[in-house]
């Protein structure tokens, strides 16, 4: 996974087979999520009244999306920590990682956090 995340965030603009695979997986997963979401809004179920009703899951869907997205930031911090641990043998690589991380401030993390709680 670390390699996939590194490929997804490449700054040099090169696109090899692995980068194309990361893009394709993201495209397929996003499309699948959208189709499932649309299907969810078209489902019917037997309600408490005993009649067939439209399934209206906005709270459920929001909760599921929040649950799924709540793993993104901890996973990001873990991967960054792991990159630093792997680079501690190479001072040049460690300096490059720290320079990359300096470009991402708390403002960026706050911008990512807002959609997850709204």
N, C-alpha and C. Protein backbone atom coordinates (compact mmCIF):
# COMPACT_ATOMS: atom_id res chain seq x y z
N UNK A 1 0.82 -1.20 0.00
CA UNK A 1 0.00 0.00 0.00
C UNK A 1 0.86 1.25 0.00
N UNK A 2 1.97 1.19 0.70
CA UNK A 2 2.84 2.37 0.76
C UNK A 2 3.28 2.77 -0.65
N UNK A 3 3.61 1.80 -1.44
CA UNK A 3 4.04 2.07 -2.81
C UNK A 3 2.90 2.67 -3.63
N UNK A 4 1.68 2.17 -3.43
CA UNK A 4 0.54 2.71 -4.17
C UNK A 4 0.28 4.16 -3.79
N UNK A 5 0.38 4.46 -2.51
CA UNK A 5 0.16 5.85 -2.07
C UNK A 5 1.26 6.75 -2.61
N UNK A 6 2.51 6.27 -2.59
CA UNK A 6 3.61 7.06 -3.13
C UNK A 6 3.40 7.34 -4.62
N UNK A 7 2.93 6.32 -5.33
CA UNK A 7 2.69 6.51 -6.76
C UNK A 7 1.54 7.48 -7.01
N UNK A 8 0.54 7.44 -6.15
CA UNK A 8 -0.61 8.32 -6.34
C UNK A 8 -0.27 9.77 -6.09
N UNK A 9 0.79 10.02 -5.33
CA UNK A 9 1.14 11.40 -4.99
C UNK A 9 2.45 11.82 -5.64
N UNK A 10 2.81 11.22 -6.76
CA UNK A 10 4.06 11.58 -7.44
C UNK A 10 3.98 13.01 -7.94
N UNK A 11 5.03 13.77 -7.67
CA UNK A 11 5.04 15.17 -8.08
C UNK A 11 5.79 15.39 -9.38
N UNK A 12 6.57 14.42 -9.81
CA UNK A 12 7.39 14.65 -10.99
C UNK A 12 6.64 14.43 -12.29
N UNK A 13 5.41 13.98 -12.24
CA UNK A 13 4.57 13.88 -13.42
C UNK A 13 4.78 12.64 -14.27
N UNK A 14 5.67 11.75 -13.88
CA UNK A 14 5.86 10.56 -14.69
C UNK A 14 4.71 9.59 -14.48
N UNK A 15 4.39 8.87 -15.52
CA UNK A 15 3.27 7.93 -15.45
C UNK A 15 3.74 6.60 -16.00
N UNK A 16 3.95 5.65 -15.11
CA UNK A 16 4.33 4.32 -15.55
C UNK A 16 3.15 3.38 -15.34
N UNK A 17 3.36 2.12 -15.51
CA UNK A 17 2.27 1.14 -15.40
C UNK A 17 1.67 1.11 -14.00
N UNK A 18 2.53 1.23 -12.99
CA UNK A 18 2.00 1.21 -11.62
C UNK A 18 1.15 2.44 -11.33
N UNK A 19 1.57 3.60 -11.79
CA UNK A 19 0.78 4.82 -11.59
C UNK A 19 -0.55 4.72 -12.32
N UNK A 20 -0.54 4.14 -13.52
CA UNK A 20 -1.78 3.94 -14.27
C UNK A 20 -2.70 2.98 -13.52
N UNK A 21 -2.11 1.95 -12.88
CA UNK A 21 -2.91 1.00 -12.11
C UNK A 21 -3.59 1.70 -10.92
N UNK A 22 -2.84 2.56 -10.22
CA UNK A 22 -3.42 3.30 -9.10
C UNK A 22 -4.58 4.17 -9.58
N UNK A 23 -4.39 4.83 -10.70
CA UNK A 23 -5.45 5.67 -11.26
C UNK A 23 -6.66 4.83 -11.63
N UNK A 24 -6.43 3.69 -12.28
CA UNK A 24 -7.54 2.82 -12.70
C UNK A 24 -8.30 2.28 -11.50
N UNK A 25 -7.59 1.87 -10.45
CA UNK A 25 -8.26 1.35 -9.25
C UNK A 25 -9.11 2.46 -8.62
N UNK A 26 -8.56 3.67 -8.53
CA UNK A 26 -9.34 4.79 -7.98
C UNK A 26 -10.56 5.10 -8.81
N UNK A 27 -10.41 5.07 -10.12
CA UNK A 27 -11.54 5.33 -11.01
C UNK A 27 -12.62 4.27 -10.87
N UNK A 28 -12.22 3.01 -10.83
CA UNK A 28 -13.18 1.91 -10.70
C UNK A 28 -13.86 1.95 -9.34
N UNK A 29 -13.09 2.18 -8.27
CA UNK A 29 -13.68 2.24 -6.93
C UNK A 29 -14.65 3.41 -6.80
N UNK A 30 -14.28 4.58 -7.34
CA UNK A 30 -15.17 5.74 -7.28
C UNK A 30 -16.43 5.52 -8.07
N UNK A 31 -16.31 4.92 -9.24
CA UNK A 31 -17.49 4.62 -10.05
C UNK A 31 -18.39 3.63 -9.34
N UNK A 32 -17.79 2.60 -8.75
CA UNK A 32 -18.58 1.61 -8.02
C UNK A 32 -19.30 2.22 -6.84
N UNK A 33 -18.64 3.12 -6.13
CA UNK A 33 -19.26 3.80 -4.99
C UNK A 33 -20.44 4.65 -5.43
N UNK A 34 -20.28 5.36 -6.54
CA UNK A 34 -21.36 6.19 -7.07
C UNK A 34 -22.55 5.35 -7.50
N UNK A 35 -22.30 4.25 -8.18
CA UNK A 35 -23.38 3.36 -8.62
C UNK A 35 -24.11 2.77 -7.42
N UNK A 36 -23.36 2.33 -6.41
CA UNK A 36 -23.99 1.78 -5.20
C UNK A 36 -24.83 2.84 -4.49
N UNK A 37 -24.33 4.06 -4.44
CA UNK A 37 -25.08 5.14 -3.81
C UNK A 37 -26.39 5.41 -4.54
N UNK A 38 -26.34 5.45 -5.87
CA UNK A 38 -27.56 5.68 -6.64
C UNK A 38 -28.53 4.52 -6.49
N UNK A 39 -28.01 3.31 -6.45
CA UNK A 39 -28.86 2.13 -6.27
C UNK A 39 -29.53 2.15 -4.90
N UNK A 40 -28.81 2.62 -3.91
CA UNK A 40 -29.35 2.69 -2.55
C UNK A 40 -30.58 3.58 -2.50
N UNK A 41 -30.56 4.69 -3.24
CA UNK A 41 -31.70 5.60 -3.23
C UNK A 41 -32.88 5.10 -4.04
N UNK A 42 -32.70 4.06 -4.83
CA UNK A 42 -33.80 3.52 -5.63
C UNK A 42 -34.41 2.27 -5.01
N UNK A 43 -33.90 1.83 -3.88
CA UNK A 43 -34.41 0.61 -3.25
C UNK A 43 -35.72 0.87 -2.53
N UNK A 44 -36.51 -0.16 -2.44
CA UNK A 44 -37.74 -0.11 -1.64
C UNK A 44 -37.67 -1.19 -0.57
N UNK A 45 -38.41 -0.97 0.48
CA UNK A 45 -38.45 -1.95 1.57
C UNK A 45 -39.81 -1.88 2.24
N UNK A 46 -40.09 -2.86 3.05
CA UNK A 46 -41.34 -2.88 3.81
C UNK A 46 -41.12 -2.02 5.05
N UNK A 47 -41.92 -0.97 5.18
CA UNK A 47 -41.77 -0.05 6.29
C UNK A 47 -42.48 -0.55 7.55
N UNK A 48 -42.46 0.28 8.59
CA UNK A 48 -43.11 -0.06 9.85
C UNK A 48 -44.63 -0.20 9.70
N UNK A 49 -45.18 0.49 8.70
CA UNK A 49 -46.62 0.41 8.47
C UNK A 49 -47.01 -0.88 7.76
N UNK A 50 -46.05 -1.65 7.27
CA UNK A 50 -46.32 -2.88 6.56
C UNK A 50 -46.46 -2.69 5.07
N UNK A 51 -46.35 -1.45 4.60
CA UNK A 51 -46.44 -1.15 3.18
C UNK A 51 -45.05 -0.97 2.59
N UNK A 52 -44.97 -1.16 1.27
CA UNK A 52 -43.70 -0.95 0.60
C UNK A 52 -43.44 0.55 0.48
N UNK A 53 -42.25 0.94 0.90
CA UNK A 53 -41.87 2.36 0.88
C UNK A 53 -40.49 2.51 0.27
N UNK A 54 -40.22 3.74 -0.21
CA UNK A 54 -38.87 4.05 -0.69
C UNK A 54 -37.91 4.01 0.49
N UNK A 55 -36.77 3.43 0.29
CA UNK A 55 -35.73 3.41 1.31
C UNK A 55 -35.03 4.76 1.28
N UNK A 56 -35.08 5.50 2.38
CA UNK A 56 -34.47 6.83 2.45
C UNK A 56 -33.31 6.78 3.45
N UNK A 57 -32.09 6.56 2.94
CA UNK A 57 -30.95 6.34 3.84
C UNK A 57 -29.99 7.51 4.05
N UNK A 58 -30.42 8.77 4.00
CA UNK A 58 -29.39 9.82 4.06
C UNK A 58 -28.52 9.76 5.31
N UNK A 59 -29.10 9.49 6.47
CA UNK A 59 -28.31 9.42 7.68
C UNK A 59 -27.40 8.19 7.66
N UNK A 60 -27.94 7.07 7.22
CA UNK A 60 -27.16 5.84 7.15
C UNK A 60 -26.00 6.01 6.17
N UNK A 61 -26.28 6.56 5.01
CA UNK A 61 -25.23 6.73 4.00
C UNK A 61 -24.17 7.71 4.49
N UNK A 62 -24.58 8.78 5.14
CA UNK A 62 -23.63 9.73 5.69
C UNK A 62 -22.74 9.07 6.73
N UNK A 63 -23.34 8.26 7.59
CA UNK A 63 -22.58 7.57 8.62
C UNK A 63 -21.57 6.60 8.01
N UNK A 64 -22.00 5.85 7.00
CA UNK A 64 -21.10 4.90 6.35
C UNK A 64 -19.95 5.63 5.66
N UNK A 65 -20.24 6.75 5.00
CA UNK A 65 -19.19 7.52 4.35
C UNK A 65 -18.23 8.10 5.39
N UNK A 66 -18.76 8.60 6.50
CA UNK A 66 -17.89 9.13 7.56
C UNK A 66 -17.01 8.02 8.12
N UNK A 67 -17.59 6.85 8.35
CA UNK A 67 -16.82 5.74 8.88
C UNK A 67 -15.70 5.35 7.91
N UNK A 68 -16.02 5.28 6.64
CA UNK A 68 -15.02 4.92 5.66
C UNK A 68 -13.92 5.97 5.54
N UNK A 69 -14.30 7.24 5.54
CA UNK A 69 -13.32 8.32 5.39
C UNK A 69 -12.54 8.58 6.66
N UNK A 70 -13.06 8.16 7.81
CA UNK A 70 -12.36 8.42 9.06
C UNK A 70 -11.05 7.64 9.15
N UNK A 71 -10.87 6.65 8.29
CA UNK A 71 -9.62 5.91 8.28
C UNK A 71 -8.55 6.58 7.42
N UNK A 72 -8.93 7.56 6.63
CA UNK A 72 -7.99 8.17 5.68
C UNK A 72 -6.87 8.95 6.38
N UNK A 73 -7.20 9.84 7.29
CA UNK A 73 -6.16 10.64 7.94
C UNK A 73 -5.25 9.81 8.83
N UNK A 74 -5.79 8.91 9.67
CA UNK A 74 -4.86 8.06 10.44
C UNK A 74 -3.96 7.22 9.52
N UNK A 75 -4.50 6.73 8.42
CA UNK A 75 -3.68 5.95 7.49
C UNK A 75 -2.61 6.84 6.87
N UNK A 76 -2.95 8.08 6.55
CA UNK A 76 -1.97 9.02 6.00
C UNK A 76 -0.84 9.28 7.00
N UNK A 77 -1.20 9.56 8.26
CA UNK A 77 -0.18 9.82 9.27
C UNK A 77 0.69 8.59 9.50
N UNK A 78 0.10 7.42 9.48
CA UNK A 78 0.87 6.18 9.65
C UNK A 78 1.85 6.01 8.49
N UNK A 79 1.39 6.25 7.28
CA UNK A 79 2.27 6.08 6.12
C UNK A 79 3.41 7.10 6.15
N UNK A 80 3.14 8.32 6.57
CA UNK A 80 4.20 9.32 6.67
C UNK A 80 5.21 8.93 7.75
N UNK A 81 4.72 8.43 8.86
CA UNK A 81 5.61 7.98 9.94
C UNK A 81 6.49 6.83 9.44
N UNK A 82 5.87 5.92 8.71
CA UNK A 82 6.60 4.76 8.18
C UNK A 82 7.66 5.19 7.15
N UNK A 83 7.33 6.18 6.32
CA UNK A 83 8.31 6.72 5.37
C UNK A 83 9.53 7.27 6.11
N UNK A 84 9.27 8.00 7.19
CA UNK A 84 10.37 8.57 7.97
C UNK A 84 11.22 7.47 8.60
N UNK A 85 10.56 6.45 9.12
CA UNK A 85 11.30 5.35 9.74
C UNK A 85 12.16 4.62 8.71
N UNK A 86 11.66 4.43 7.52
CA UNK A 86 12.42 3.76 6.46
C UNK A 86 13.56 4.63 5.95
N UNK A 87 13.44 5.95 6.08
CA UNK A 87 14.44 6.86 5.55
C UNK A 87 15.47 7.30 6.59
N UNK A 88 15.38 6.82 7.80
CA UNK A 88 16.30 7.31 8.84
C UNK A 88 17.75 6.91 8.57
N UNK A 89 17.99 5.94 7.71
CA UNK A 89 19.35 5.55 7.34
C UNK A 89 19.96 6.51 6.32
N UNK A 90 19.09 7.21 5.58
CA UNK A 90 19.57 8.09 4.51
C UNK A 90 19.20 9.54 4.84
N UNK A 91 20.18 10.35 5.26
CA UNK A 91 19.88 11.74 5.63
C UNK A 91 19.31 12.56 4.47
N UNK A 92 19.76 12.30 3.25
CA UNK A 92 19.24 13.04 2.10
C UNK A 92 17.76 12.77 1.89
N UNK A 93 17.40 11.50 1.97
CA UNK A 93 16.00 11.12 1.78
C UNK A 93 15.14 11.67 2.92
N UNK A 94 15.67 11.64 4.13
CA UNK A 94 14.94 12.18 5.28
C UNK A 94 14.71 13.68 5.13
N UNK A 95 15.70 14.41 4.65
CA UNK A 95 15.54 15.85 4.42
C UNK A 95 14.50 16.12 3.33
N UNK A 96 14.49 15.30 2.30
CA UNK A 96 13.51 15.47 1.22
C UNK A 96 12.09 15.22 1.75
N UNK A 97 11.93 14.19 2.57
CA UNK A 97 10.61 13.89 3.15
C UNK A 97 10.16 15.03 4.04
N UNK A 98 11.05 15.54 4.87
CA UNK A 98 10.68 16.64 5.76
C UNK A 98 10.34 17.91 4.98
N UNK A 99 11.02 18.14 3.87
CA UNK A 99 10.70 19.30 3.02
C UNK A 99 9.32 19.13 2.40
N UNK A 100 8.99 17.91 1.97
CA UNK A 100 7.65 17.66 1.42
C UNK A 100 6.58 17.88 2.49
N UNK A 101 6.85 17.40 3.70
CA UNK A 101 5.87 17.54 4.77
C UNK A 101 5.70 18.98 5.22
N UNK A 102 6.75 19.79 5.08
CA UNK A 102 6.66 21.20 5.45
C UNK A 102 5.71 21.95 4.54
N UNK A 103 5.53 21.47 3.33
CA UNK A 103 4.62 22.11 2.39
C UNK A 103 3.15 21.85 2.76
N UNK A 104 2.90 20.79 3.51
CA UNK A 104 1.54 20.44 3.92
C UNK A 104 1.36 20.89 5.36
N UNK A 105 0.61 21.97 5.55
CA UNK A 105 0.40 22.50 6.89
C UNK A 105 -0.92 22.03 7.48
N UNK A 106 -1.18 22.49 8.70
CA UNK A 106 -2.44 22.11 9.37
C UNK A 106 -3.64 22.65 8.62
N UNK A 107 -3.45 23.71 7.86
CA UNK A 107 -4.56 24.25 7.08
C UNK A 107 -5.09 23.19 6.10
N UNK A 108 -4.19 22.44 5.51
CA UNK A 108 -4.59 21.38 4.58
C UNK A 108 -5.37 20.30 5.31
N UNK A 109 -4.90 19.89 6.48
CA UNK A 109 -5.60 18.85 7.24
C UNK A 109 -6.98 19.33 7.69
N UNK A 110 -7.08 20.60 8.06
CA UNK A 110 -8.39 21.13 8.45
C UNK A 110 -9.34 21.12 7.25
N UNK A 111 -8.82 21.46 6.07
CA UNK A 111 -9.66 21.43 4.88
C UNK A 111 -10.15 20.02 4.57
N UNK A 112 -9.34 19.03 4.86
CA UNK A 112 -9.75 17.65 4.67
C UNK A 112 -10.74 17.19 5.74
N UNK A 113 -10.62 17.74 6.93
CA UNK A 113 -11.47 17.30 8.04
C UNK A 113 -12.89 17.85 7.93
N UNK A 114 -13.05 19.05 7.38
CA UNK A 114 -14.38 19.68 7.32
C UNK A 114 -15.41 18.82 6.57
N UNK A 115 -15.11 18.31 5.38
CA UNK A 115 -16.12 17.49 4.70
C UNK A 115 -16.46 16.20 5.45
N UNK A 116 -15.53 15.69 6.25
CA UNK A 116 -15.81 14.43 6.92
C UNK A 116 -16.77 14.59 8.10
N UNK A 117 -16.93 15.81 8.62
CA UNK A 117 -17.86 16.00 9.74
C UNK A 117 -19.13 16.73 9.32
N UNK A 118 -19.22 17.13 8.09
CA UNK A 118 -20.44 17.84 7.68
C UNK A 118 -21.41 16.90 7.01
